[in-house]
C-alpha atoms as a PDB file:
ATOM      1  CA  MET A   1      76.869 101.238  84.277  1.00  0.00           C
ATOM      2  CA  ARG A   2      80.386 101.319  85.482  1.00  0.00           C
ATOM      3  CA  ASN A   3      83.138  99.019  83.963  1.00  0.00           C
ATOM      4  CA  GLY A   4      83.236  96.701  86.977  1.00  0.00           C
ATOM      5  CA  GLN A   5      79.540  96.177  86.943  1.00  0.00           C
ATOM      6  CA  ARG A   6      79.370  95.342  83.097  1.00  0.00           C
ATOM      7  CA  TRP A   7      82.392  93.090  83.694  1.00  0.00           C
ATOM      8  CA  LEU A   8      80.651  91.147  86.728  1.00  0.00           C
ATOM      9  CA  ALA A   9      77.165  90.843  84.790  1.00  0.00           C
ATOM     10  CA  ALA A  10      78.684  89.659  81.992  1.00  0.00           C
ATOM     11  CA  GLY A  11      80.735  87.189  83.894  1.00  0.00           C
ATOM     12  CA  ILE A  12      77.874  85.889  85.647  1.00  0.00           C
ATOM     13  CA  GLY A  13      75.773  85.611  82.525  1.00  0.00           C
ATOM     14  CA  ARG A  14      78.400  83.005  81.274  1.00  0.00           C
ATOM     15  CA  PHE A  15      78.181  81.224  84.766  1.00  0.00           C
ATOM     16  CA  LEU A  16      77.804  77.922  82.949  1.00  0.00           C
ATOM     17  CA  GLU A  17      78.726  78.609  79.503  1.00  0.00           C
ATOM     18  CA  ASP A  18      81.930  77.683  77.717  1.00  0.00           C
ATOM     19  CA  ASP A  19      84.178  80.714  79.024  1.00  0.00           C
ATOM     20  CA  LYS A  20      87.664  79.836  79.031  1.00  0.00           C
ATOM     21  CA  THR A  21      88.638  82.206  81.465  1.00  0.00           C
ATOM     22  CA  PHE A  22      86.009  81.771  84.153  1.00  0.00           C
ATOM     23  CA  ALA A  23      86.534  77.894  83.333  1.00  0.00           C
ATOM     24  CA  SER A  24      90.078  78.113  84.525  1.00  0.00           C
ATOM     25  CA  CYS A  25      89.163  79.753  87.662  1.00  0.00           C
ATOM     26  CA  MET A  26      86.519  77.009  88.390  1.00  0.00           C
ATOM     27  CA  ARG A  27      89.230  74.245  87.868  1.00  0.00           C
ATOM     28  CA  VAL A  28      91.394  75.858  90.126  1.00  0.00           C
ATOM     29  CA  THR A  29      88.955  75.982  93.362  1.00  0.00           C
ATOM     30  CA  GLY A  30      87.876  72.156  92.223  1.00  0.00           C
ATOM     31  CA  VAL A  31      84.337  73.062  92.452  1.00  0.00           C
ATOM     32  CA  GLY A  32      81.858  71.114  90.249  1.00  0.00           C
ATOM     33  CA  VAL A  33      78.606  72.715  89.018  1.00  0.00           C
ATOM     34  CA  SER A  34      75.615  71.430  87.143  1.00  0.00           C
ATOM     35  CA  PRO A  35      74.648  72.419  83.682  1.00  0.00           C
ATOM     36  CA  SER A  36      71.136  72.151  85.002  1.00  0.00           C
ATOM     37  CA  ILE A  37      71.467  75.243  86.810  1.00  0.00           C
ATOM     38  CA  ARG A  38      71.703  78.945  85.536  1.00  0.00           C
ATOM     39  CA  CYS A  39      72.242  82.525  87.071  1.00  0.00           C
ATOM     40  CA  CYS A  40      70.280  85.461  86.811  1.00  0.00           C
ATOM     41  CA  PHE A  41      72.059  88.702  87.507  1.00  0.00           C
ATOM     42  CA  SER A  42      70.123  91.955  88.700  1.00  0.00           C
ATOM     43  CA  LEU A  43      72.143  95.228  89.634  1.00  0.00           C
ATOM     44  CA  HIS A  44      69.241  96.522  91.792  1.00  0.00           C
ATOM     45  CA  ALA A  45      68.188  93.224  93.823  1.00  0.00           C
ATOM     46  CA  LEU A  46      69.037  93.137  97.442  1.00  0.00           C
ATOM     47  CA  ARG A  47      70.863  89.862  96.190  1.00  0.00           C
ATOM     48  CA  ARG A  48      73.074  90.592  93.112  1.00  0.00           C
ATOM     49  CA  HIS A  49      71.969  87.284  91.500  1.00  0.00           C
ATOM     50  CA  GLY A  50      70.107  84.178  92.134  1.00  0.00           C
ATOM     51  CA  ILE A  51      70.342  80.373  90.750  1.00  0.00           C
ATOM     52  CA  PHE A  52      67.547  78.840  89.108  1.00  0.00           C
ATOM     53  CA  ALA A  53      66.751  75.476  87.331  1.00  0.00           C
ATOM     54  CA  ALA A  54      67.270  75.712  83.701  1.00  0.00           C
ATOM     55  CA  GLY A  55      64.863  72.727  83.247  1.00  0.00           C
ATOM     56  CA  ASP A  56      63.006  70.246  85.321  1.00  0.00           C
ATOM     57  CA  ILE A  57      65.186  68.527  88.101  1.00  0.00           C
ATOM     58  CA  PRO A  58      64.284  65.491  90.170  1.00  0.00           C
ATOM     59  CA  SER A  59      65.029  64.776  93.701  1.00  0.00           C
ATOM     60  CA  SER A  60      68.426  64.001  94.947  1.00  0.00           C
ATOM     61  CA  PHE A  61      69.937  65.554  92.053  1.00  0.00           C
ATOM     62  CA  VAL A  62      73.310  66.944  92.439  1.00  0.00           C
ATOM     63  CA  VAL A  63      73.885  70.755  91.493  1.00  0.00           C
ATOM     64  CA  ALA A  64      77.195  71.436  92.854  1.00  0.00           C
ATOM     65  CA  ALA A  65      80.053  69.767  94.535  1.00  0.00           C
ATOM     66  CA  VAL A  66      82.935  71.456  96.510  1.00  0.00           C
ATOM     67  CA  PRO A  67      86.174  69.643  98.002  1.00  0.00           C
ATOM     68  CA  ALA A  68      86.130  69.836 101.677  1.00  0.00           C
ATOM     69  CA  THR A  69      89.424  71.476 101.568  1.00  0.00           C
ATOM     70  CA  ARG A  70      87.933  74.624 100.090  1.00  0.00           C
ATOM     71  CA  VAL A  71      85.585  74.881 103.220  1.00  0.00           C
ATOM     72  CA  TRP A  72      87.187  76.237 106.247  1.00  0.00           C
ATOM     73  CA  THR A  73      85.897  76.966 109.562  1.00  0.00           C
ATOM     74  CA  VAL A  74      87.608  79.622 111.573  1.00  0.00           C
ATOM     75  CA  GLU A  75      89.390  76.827 113.829  1.00  0.00           C
ATOM     76  CA  SER A  76      91.006  75.173 111.129  1.00  0.00           C
ATOM     77  CA  VAL A  77      91.238  78.126 108.181  1.00  0.00           C
ATOM     78  CA  HIS A  78      94.844  78.485 109.024  1.00  0.00           C
ATOM     79  CA  ASP A  79      96.421  75.888 106.651  1.00  0.00           C
ATOM     80  CA  ASP A  80      99.827  75.340 104.794  1.00  0.00           C
ATOM     81  CA  ASP A  81      98.929  77.727 102.123  1.00  0.00           C
ATOM     82  CA  VAL A  82      99.455  80.890 104.599  1.00  0.00           C
ATOM     83  CA  GLU A  83     101.989  79.426 107.022  1.00  0.00           C
ATOM     84  CA  GLY A  84     104.444  82.230 108.135  1.00  0.00           C
ATOM     85  CA  LEU A  85     102.530  84.885 105.976  1.00  0.00           C
ATOM     86  CA  MET A  86      99.459  85.272 108.521  1.00  0.00           C
ATOM     87  CA  PRO A  87      99.408  85.644 112.265  1.00  0.00           C
ATOM     88  CA  SER A  88      98.340  82.659 114.369  1.00  0.00           C
ATOM     89  CA  LEU A  89      94.742  82.380 114.971  1.00  0.00           C
ATOM     90  CA  GLN A  90      95.275  83.401 118.824  1.00  0.00           C
ATOM     91  CA  THR A  91      97.069  86.555 117.744  1.00  0.00           C
ATOM     92  CA  CYS A  92      94.374  87.631 115.783  1.00  0.00           C
ATOM     93  CA  ARG A  93      91.744  86.882 118.446  1.00  0.00           C
ATOM     94  CA  ASP A  94      93.922  88.780 121.083  1.00  0.00           C
ATOM     95  CA  ALA A  95      93.685  91.646 118.464  1.00  0.00           C
ATOM     96  CA  SER A  96      89.986  91.620 118.196  1.00  0.00           C
ATOM     97  CA  MET A  97      89.238  92.409 121.980  1.00  0.00           C
ATOM     98  CA  ALA A  98      88.347  95.863 121.065  1.00  0.00           C
ATOM     99  CA  ALA A  99      84.483  96.199 121.358  1.00  0.00           C
ATOM    100  CA  ARG A 100      83.954  97.209 117.806  1.00  0.00           C
ATOM    101  CA  VAL A 101      85.641  94.286 116.497  1.00  0.00           C
ATOM    102  CA  GLU A 102      84.957  91.656 118.782  1.00  0.00           C
ATOM    103  CA  HIS A 103      81.546  90.863 117.448  1.00  0.00           C
ATOM    104  CA  ILE A 104      82.823  90.241 113.810  1.00  0.00           C
ATOM    105  CA  PHE A 105      85.930  88.428 114.474  1.00  0.00           C
ATOM    106  CA  ASP A 106      84.918  85.740 112.437  1.00  0.00           C
ATOM    107  CA  ILE A 107      84.352  88.040 109.457  1.00  0.00           C
ATOM    108  CA  LEU A 108      87.669  89.624 110.092  1.00  0.00           C
ATOM    109  CA  TYR A 109      89.690  86.471 110.348  1.00  0.00           C
ATOM    110  CA  LEU A 110      88.180  84.552 107.398  1.00  0.00           C
ATOM    111  CA  SER A 111      88.528  88.013 105.248  1.00  0.00           C
ATOM    112  CA  LEU A 112      92.129  88.332 106.153  1.00  0.00           C
ATOM    113  CA  TYR A 113      92.817  84.818 105.202  1.00  0.00           C
ATOM    114  CA  PHE A 114      90.876  85.172 101.796  1.00  0.00           C
ATOM    115  CA  SER A 115      93.056  88.511 101.322  1.00  0.00           C
ATOM    116  CA  VAL A 116      96.419  86.872 102.125  1.00  0.00           C
ATOM    117  CA  ARG A 117      95.777  84.203  99.707  1.00  0.00           C
ATOM    118  CA  ALA A 118      94.906  86.499  96.984  1.00  0.00           C
ATOM    119  CA  CYS A 119      98.123  88.690  97.733  1.00  0.00           C
ATOM    120  CA  HIS A 120     100.438  85.782  98.057  1.00  0.00           C
ATOM    121  CA  THR A 121      99.258  82.665  96.229  1.00  0.00           C
ATOM    122  CA  PHE A 122      96.465  83.429  93.424  1.00  0.00           C
ATOM    123  CA  PRO A 123      96.698  86.704  91.859  1.00  0.00           C
ATOM    124  CA  LEU A 124      93.757  86.174  89.534  1.00  0.00           C
ATOM    125  CA  TRP A 125      91.502  85.959  92.761  1.00  0.00           C
ATOM    126  CA  SER A 126      92.317  89.342  94.079  1.00  0.00           C
ATOM    127  CA  GLN A 127      91.164  90.891  90.740  1.00  0.00           C
ATOM    128  CA  TRP A 128      87.690  88.840  90.944  1.00  0.00           C
ATOM    129  CA  GLN A 129      87.272  89.611  94.612  1.00  0.00           C
ATOM    130  CA  ARG A 130      87.599  93.506  93.691  1.00  0.00           C
ATOM    131  CA  GLN A 131      84.952  93.177  91.149  1.00  0.00           C
ATOM    132  CA  LEU A 132      82.517  91.654  93.699  1.00  0.00           C
ATOM    133  CA  GLY A 133      83.150  94.415  95.907  1.00  0.00           C
ATOM    134  CA  ILE A 134      81.154  96.955  93.887  1.00  0.00           C
ATOM    135  CA  CYS A 135      79.652  99.424  96.329  1.00  0.00           C
ATOM    136  CA  ASP A 136      75.921  98.979  97.007  1.00  0.00           C
ATOM    137  CA  GLY A 137      75.018 101.873  98.540  1.00  0.00           C
ATOM    138  CA  ASP A 138      75.296 101.193 102.357  1.00  0.00           C
ATOM    139  CA  ASP A 139      77.862 103.816 102.870  1.00  0.00           C
ATOM    140  CA  HIS A 140      77.308 103.688 106.747  1.00  0.00           C
ATOM    141  CA  ALA A 141      77.982 100.038 107.153  1.00  0.00           C
ATOM    142  CA  THR A 142      80.983 100.339 104.874  1.00  0.00           C
ATOM    143  CA  ASP A 143      82.497 102.911 106.854  1.00  0.00           C
ATOM    144  CA  ASN A 144      81.710 101.150 109.998  1.00  0.00           C
ATOM    145  CA  MET A 145      83.561  97.834 108.360  1.00  0.00           C
ATOM    146  CA  LYS A 146      86.454 100.237 107.110  1.00  0.00           C
ATOM    147  CA  GLN A 147      86.991 101.639 110.951  1.00  0.00           C
ATOM    148  CA  ALA A 148      87.158  97.881 112.168  1.00  0.00           C
ATOM    149  CA  VAL A 149      89.351  96.800 109.418  1.00  0.00           C
ATOM    150  CA  ALA A 150      91.787  99.608 110.210  1.00  0.00           C
ATOM    151  CA  GLY A 151      91.786  98.936 114.102  1.00  0.00           C
ATOM    152  CA  PHE A 152      92.106  94.869 113.424  1.00  0.00           C
ATOM    153  CA  LEU A 153      95.318  95.604 111.035  1.00  0.00           C
ATOM    154  CA  GLN A 154      96.873  98.290 113.611  1.00  0.00           C
ATOM    155  CA  SER A 155      96.485  95.766 116.001  1.00  0.00           C
ATOM    156  CA  LEU A 156      98.514  93.367 113.878  1.00  0.00           C
ATOM    157  CA  ARG A 157     100.884  95.619 112.626  1.00  0.00           C
ATOM    158  CA  PRO A 158     103.596  94.197 114.795  1.00  0.00           C
ATOM    159  CA  SER A 159     103.323  90.745 113.190  1.00  0.00           C
ATOM    160  CA  GLY A 160     104.514  92.398 110.033  1.00  0.00           C
ATOM    161  CA  LEU A 161     101.041  92.140 108.170  1.00  0.00           C
ATOM    162  CA  THR A 162     100.058  94.662 105.812  1.00  0.00           C
ATOM    163  CA  PRO A 163      97.375  93.414 103.300  1.00  0.00           C
ATOM    164  CA  PRO A 164      95.652  96.039 101.014  1.00  0.00           C
ATOM    165  CA  THR A 165      92.863  97.743 103.202  1.00  0.00           C
ATOM    166  CA  GLU A 166      90.606  97.979 100.557  1.00  0.00           C
ATOM    167  CA  LEU A 167      91.020  94.270  99.606  1.00  0.00           C
ATOM    168  CA  LEU A 168      90.343  93.112 103.067  1.00  0.00           C
ATOM    169  CA  VAL A 169      87.264  95.509 103.191  1.00  0.00           C
ATOM    170  CA  THR A 170      85.919  93.985  99.848  1.00  0.00           C
ATOM    171  CA  MET A 171      86.226  90.480 101.550  1.00  0.00           C
ATOM    172  CA  CYS A 172      84.710  91.566 104.923  1.00  0.00           C
ATOM    173  CA  ARG A 173      81.729  92.877 103.032  1.00  0.00           C
ATOM    174  CA  TYR A 174      81.623  89.648 100.780  1.00  0.00           C
ATOM    175  CA  THR A 175      82.035  87.406 103.576  1.00  0.00           C
ATOM    176  CA  ARG A 176      79.407  89.173 105.469  1.00  0.00           C
ATOM    177  CA  ARG A 177      76.550  88.907 102.944  1.00  0.00           C
ATOM    178  CA  HIS A 178      77.714  86.048 100.707  1.00  0.00           C
ATOM    179  CA  SER A 179      79.137  83.204 103.075  1.00  0.00           C
ATOM    180  CA  CYS A 180      77.531  79.626 103.325  1.00  0.00           C
ATOM    181  CA  ARG A 181      77.213  79.210 107.125  1.00  0.00           C
ATOM    182  CA  LEU A 182      77.431  75.871 108.776  1.00  0.00           C
ATOM    183  CA  SER A 183      77.065  74.922 112.359  1.00  0.00           C
ATOM    184  CA  LYS A 184      80.299  74.852 114.349  1.00  0.00           C
ATOM    185  CA  ASP A 185      80.353  71.066 114.293  1.00  0.00           C
ATOM    186  CA  GLY A 186      80.209  71.517 110.735  1.00  0.00           C
ATOM    187  CA  SER A 187      77.141  69.091 110.301  1.00  0.00           C
ATOM    188  CA  ALA A 188      74.172  71.474 109.538  1.00  0.00           C
ATOM    189  CA  LEU A 189      73.427  74.717 108.020  1.00  0.00           C
ATOM    190  CA  ASP A 190      73.194  77.627 110.474  1.00  0.00           C
ATOM    191  CA  PHE A 191      71.295  80.768 109.638  1.00  0.00           C
ATOM    192  CA  THR A 192      71.539  82.329 112.910  1.00  0.00           C
ATOM    193  CA  GLY A 193      74.981  82.359 114.237  1.00  0.00           C
ATOM    194  CA  GLY A 194      76.848  84.420 111.781  1.00  0.00           C
ATOM    195  CA  PRO A 195      79.447  83.464 109.035  1.00  0.00           C
ATOM    196  CA  VAL A 196      81.043  80.554 110.890  1.00  0.00           C
ATOM    197  CA  LEU A 197      82.174  79.177 107.754  1.00  0.00           C
ATOM    198  CA  ALA A 198      84.213  80.801 105.012  1.00  0.00           C
ATOM    199  CA  VAL A 199      83.051  81.750 101.773  1.00  0.00           C
ATOM    200  CA  MET A 200      84.410  79.580  98.496  1.00  0.00           C
ATOM    201  CA  PRO A 201      85.964  83.028  97.087  1.00  0.00           C
ATOM    202  CA  MET A 202      84.955  82.862  93.427  1.00  0.00           C
ATOM    203  CA  VAL A 203      82.108  80.768  93.974  1.00  0.00           C
ATOM    204  CA  ASP A 204      78.877  82.749  95.254  1.00  0.00           C
ATOM    205  CA  LEU A 205      76.017  80.506  94.671  1.00  0.00           C
ATOM    206  CA  ALA A 206      73.893  83.133  96.490  1.00  0.00           C
ATOM    207  CA  LEU A 207      71.478  80.704  97.660  1.00  0.00           C
ATOM    208  CA  PRO A 208      68.727  82.256  99.737  1.00  0.00           C
ATOM    209  CA  HIS A 209      67.094  80.950 102.916  1.00  0.00           C
ATOM    210  CA  ILE A 210      63.181  81.438 102.375  1.00  0.00           C
ATOM    211  CA  LYS A 211      60.140  80.649 104.293  1.00  0.00           C
ATOM    212  CA  ALA A 212      58.839  78.384 101.367  1.00  0.00           C
ATOM    213  CA  GLY A 213      61.098  75.564 102.063  1.00  0.00           C
ATOM    214  CA  PRO A 214      64.624  74.618 100.951  1.00  0.00           C
ATOM    215  CA  THR A 215      64.975  73.090  97.514  1.00  0.00           C
ATOM    216  CA  LEU A 216      68.415  72.010  98.259  1.00  0.00           C
ATOM    217  CA  MET A 217      70.339  70.285 101.051  1.00  0.00           C
ATOM    218  CA  LEU A 218      73.975  70.100 101.857  1.00  0.00           C
ATOM    219  CA  ARG A 219      75.830  66.857 102.754  1.00  0.00           C
ATOM    220  CA  ARG A 220      79.380  65.611 103.124  1.00  0.00           C
ATOM    221  CA  CYS A 221      80.509  62.357 100.969  1.00  0.00           C
ATOM    222  CA  ALA A 222      83.737  60.559  99.902  1.00  0.00           C
ATOM    223  CA  ALA A 223      85.151  60.957  96.464  1.00  0.00           C
ATOM    224  CA  CYS A 224      84.418  57.691  95.497  1.00  0.00           C
ATOM    225  CA  GLU A 225      80.556  58.020  96.282  1.00  0.00           C
ATOM    226  CA  LEU A 226      80.976  61.299  94.241  1.00  0.00           C
ATOM    227  CA  ARG A 227      82.299  59.834  91.200  1.00  0.00           C
ATOM    228  CA  THR A 228      79.368  57.279  91.281  1.00  0.00           C
ATOM    229  CA  LEU A 229      76.957  60.113  91.769  1.00  0.00           C
ATOM    230  CA  ILE A 230      78.184  62.104  88.636  1.00  0.00           C
ATOM    231  CA  LYS A 231      77.394  59.343  86.367  1.00  0.00           C
ATOM    232  CA  LYS A 232      73.761  59.843  86.591  1.00  0.00           C
ATOM    233  CA  ASN A 233      74.224  63.624  86.485  1.00  0.00           C
ATOM    234  CA  SER A 234      77.668  65.238  85.332  1.00  0.00           C
ATOM    235  CA  LEU A 235      79.372  68.415  86.964  1.00  0.00           C
ATOM    236  CA  LYS A 236      81.493  71.175  85.016  1.00  0.00           C
ATOM    237  CA  TYR A 237      84.944  71.808  85.821  1.00  0.00           C
ATOM    238  CA  LEU A 238      85.195  68.894  88.555  1.00  0.00           C
ATOM    239  CA  ARG A 239      86.840  66.469  86.581  1.00  0.00           C
ATOM    240  CA  ARG A 240      90.507  67.421  87.057  1.00  0.00           C
ATOM    241  CA  SER A 241      90.164  67.495  90.764  1.00  0.00           C
ATOM    242  CA  LEU A 242      87.841  64.535  91.087  1.00  0.00           C
ATOM    243  CA  ALA A 243      90.589  62.486  89.115  1.00  0.00           C
ATOM    244  CA  ALA A 244      93.725  63.518  91.536  1.00  0.00           C
ATOM    245  CA  ALA A 245      91.637  63.153  94.949  1.00  0.00           C
ATOM    246  CA  GLY A 246      91.800  59.966  96.668  1.00  0.00           C
ATOM    247  CA  ASP A 247      88.645  57.506  97.186  1.00  0.00           C
ATOM    248  CA  GLU A 248      88.142  58.868 100.841  1.00  0.00           C
ATOM    249  CA  ALA A 249      88.648  62.410 100.053  1.00  0.00           C
ATOM    250  CA  ALA A 250      85.778  64.515 101.429  1.00  0.00           C
ATOM    251  CA  TYR A 251      83.378  66.541  99.272  1.00  0.00           C
ATOM    252  CA  TRP A 252      80.430  68.700  99.894  1.00  0.00           C
ATOM    253  CA  VAL A 253      77.519  67.954  97.945  1.00  0.00           C
ATOM    254  CA  MET A 254      74.651  70.089  97.294  1.00  0.00           C
ATOM    255  CA  GLU A 255      71.647  68.138  96.000  1.00  0.00           C
ATOM    256  CA  THR A 256      67.820  68.934  95.213  1.00  0.00           C
ATOM    257  CA  LYS A 257      65.894  68.060  98.406  1.00  0.00           C
ATOM    258  CA  ARG A 258      62.868  67.611  96.103  1.00  0.00           C
ATOM    259  CA  ALA A 259      61.795  67.953  92.392  1.00  0.00           C
ATOM    260  CA  VAL A 260      62.337  71.468  91.326  1.00  0.00           C
ATOM    261  CA  SER A 261      60.537  72.901  88.250  1.00  0.00           C
ATOM    262  CA  VAL A 262      62.225  75.003  85.584  1.00  0.00           C
ATOM    263  CA  GLY A 263      62.490  78.536  86.329  1.00  0.00           C
ATOM    264  CA  GLU A 264      62.332  77.805  90.244  1.00  0.00           C
ATOM    265  CA  GLN A 265      64.737  79.607  92.490  1.00  0.00           C
ATOM    266  CA  LEU A 266      67.095  77.066  94.265  1.00  0.00           C
ATOM    267  CA  SER A 267      67.373  77.904  98.116  1.00  0.00           C
ATOM    268  CA  LEU A 268      69.035  76.244 101.186  1.00  0.00           C
END
């Protein structure tokens, strides 16, 4: 096992344990997770890890909460954090008109956004994302993605944008395979329209879409409602973010759609 794989396996294995480094990363994102869920990691599975119930969980139980400001669609992804560092949405769209790039524009743009943030805002994110970019043996797909990224960056070079190509490739691969997708109006999950919604860069919940039916549902709520919800079931790493949020601040809440048995894999 390579060092990167060993590091990632150990990191995920401690997902909800008292690990100071990981906890500090989670606090930066403002994402809260329930101690009632656990990760299981596999080097050989199609999905590198999944999330399972650590005990019996009742219906309508909150297992995770994500600040709405940490969730971006392509149309709203450009915010003050990268203003002046990243070409405009239209510039990127114009640069993606080549046939081999156009069909993955959302992936390229979202990945570009996260790469710029990683390079200019949160250096720790870059290290984490590189670990998530472990090659999974799909060399042909990786080569195609590298070509698309190279063409995309070449088109944007007049804008003075030069993020590390390997980081952007890593984020493209990560966005393509691990994004939590929403419909374009942001009201429902969408498993057919491609990666409309950006990933939360350090929080890959790896929740599959299975034929047996979802165990979780995703909905928006205000911070004041979330404070009430977590009185019954606390979430780790959320306290600082929630305390600083105004009552009307928006959150995405992931909660159980039905009762879940111990050991059962969670799915959307």
